[in-house]
């Protein structure tokens, strides 16, 4: 989990997407997250985390519903929500922490 600590300890917002390939809402978020990443550029990071491959982390963060989206900045969780979001909503939420 130390890698996760390094990941979220950035001075820019880090948007995490917890997903699985077999979950329809999770896969529907992939193009949305690409748009968000493109719009934000180097002002934020967008990282997808497959819960199947990261069970320990997912359990530690109590990820239940998919997709689960979280924003971290400076090692601290700033925002969290489960379910689909549109690109414009996500961009405006992340920009609050830039």
Protein backbone atom coordinates (compact mmCIF):
# COMPACT_ATOMS: atom_id res chain seq x y z
CA UNK A 1 0.00 0.00 0.00
CA UNK A 2 2.99 2.32 0.17
CA UNK A 3 2.68 2.79 -3.60
CA UNK A 4 -0.86 4.03 -3.01
CA UNK A 5 0.43 6.51 -0.44
CA UNK A 6 2.93 7.87 -2.96
CA UNK A 7 0.18 8.06 -5.57
CA UNK A 8 -2.24 10.16 -3.50
CA UNK A 9 0.36 12.36 -1.85
CA UNK A 10 0.53 14.65 -4.89
CA UNK A 11 0.13 18.42 -4.73
CA UNK A 12 -2.38 18.19 -7.56
CA UNK A 13 -5.78 16.47 -7.33
CA UNK A 14 -5.77 12.74 -8.08
CA UNK A 15 -9.09 11.36 -9.36
CA UNK A 16 -9.31 7.62 -8.69
CA UNK A 17 -11.78 5.39 -10.51
CA UNK A 18 -12.35 2.01 -8.86
CA UNK A 19 -13.81 -0.31 -11.52
CA UNK A 20 -14.13 -3.83 -12.89
CA UNK A 21 -14.31 -4.86 -16.52
CA UNK A 22 -17.50 -6.89 -15.95
CA UNK A 23 -19.44 -3.95 -14.49
CA UNK A 24 -21.37 -2.01 -17.18
CA UNK A 25 -21.35 1.32 -15.35
CA UNK A 26 -17.60 0.96 -14.77
CA UNK A 27 -16.82 0.41 -18.42
CA UNK A 28 -19.20 3.22 -19.43
CA UNK A 29 -17.00 5.58 -17.38
CA UNK A 30 -13.82 4.84 -19.39
CA UNK A 31 -14.49 7.34 -22.22
CA UNK A 32 -15.77 9.90 -19.69
CA UNK A 33 -12.54 9.64 -17.71
CA UNK A 34 -10.46 9.99 -20.89
CA UNK A 35 -12.32 13.25 -21.58
CA UNK A 36 -11.77 14.44 -18.00
CA UNK A 37 -8.04 13.64 -18.19
CA UNK A 38 -7.74 15.44 -21.54
CA UNK A 39 -9.59 18.51 -20.25
CA UNK A 40 -7.55 18.79 -17.05
CA UNK A 41 -4.15 18.08 -18.61
CA UNK A 42 -1.35 18.34 -16.07
CA UNK A 43 -3.54 20.10 -13.47
CA UNK A 44 -4.73 16.71 -12.15
CA UNK A 45 -4.16 12.98 -12.49
CA UNK A 46 -6.84 10.45 -13.45
CA UNK A 47 -6.06 6.90 -12.36
CA UNK A 48 -8.15 3.77 -12.90
CA UNK A 49 -7.86 1.01 -10.29
CA UNK A 50 -9.22 -2.46 -11.07
CA UNK A 51 -10.79 -3.77 -7.84
CA UNK A 52 -10.21 -7.38 -8.98
CA UNK A 53 -6.45 -6.78 -9.07
CA UNK A 54 -6.37 -4.54 -5.98
CA UNK A 55 -8.68 -6.31 -3.53
CA UNK A 56 -6.70 -5.33 -0.42
CA UNK A 57 -6.78 -1.62 -1.30
CA UNK A 58 -10.46 -1.76 -2.30
CA UNK A 59 -11.37 -3.40 1.00
CA UNK A 60 -9.26 -0.94 3.00
CA UNK A 61 -11.13 1.96 1.33
CA UNK A 62 -14.48 0.16 1.71
CA UNK A 63 -15.26 0.27 -2.00
CA UNK A 64 -18.69 -1.36 -2.36
CA UNK A 65 -20.52 0.11 -5.37
CA UNK A 66 -18.92 0.44 -8.77
CA UNK A 67 -17.71 2.65 -10.14
CA UNK A 68 -16.46 4.45 -7.03
CA UNK A 69 -14.74 7.76 -7.68
CA UNK A 70 -12.47 9.53 -5.19
CA UNK A 71 -10.41 12.68 -5.24
CA UNK A 72 -7.26 12.89 -3.14
CA UNK A 73 -4.91 15.82 -2.73
CA UNK A 74 -1.89 15.95 -0.46
CA UNK A 75 -2.68 12.46 0.83
CA UNK A 76 -6.16 13.42 2.02
CA UNK A 77 -9.48 12.31 0.57
CA UNK A 78 -11.41 15.39 -0.56
CA UNK A 79 -14.42 13.85 -2.33
CA UNK A 80 -15.98 10.44 -2.90
CA UNK A 81 -19.02 9.14 -4.73
CA UNK A 82 -20.26 5.87 -6.18
CA UNK A 83 -22.02 5.67 -9.53
CA UNK A 84 -21.65 7.21 -12.94
CA UNK A 85 -20.83 10.89 -13.42
CA UNK A 86 -20.68 12.95 -16.58
CA UNK A 87 -17.42 14.55 -17.72
CA UNK A 88 -18.46 18.17 -17.06
CA UNK A 89 -19.52 17.40 -13.50
CA UNK A 90 -16.26 15.59 -12.75
CA UNK A 91 -14.16 18.34 -14.32
CA UNK A 92 -15.86 21.03 -12.21
CA UNK A 93 -15.49 18.95 -9.02
CA UNK A 94 -11.77 18.30 -9.64
CA UNK A 95 -11.16 21.97 -10.48
CA UNK A 96 -12.31 22.93 -6.97
CA UNK A 97 -9.13 21.27 -5.67
CA UNK A 98 -6.64 22.51 -8.30
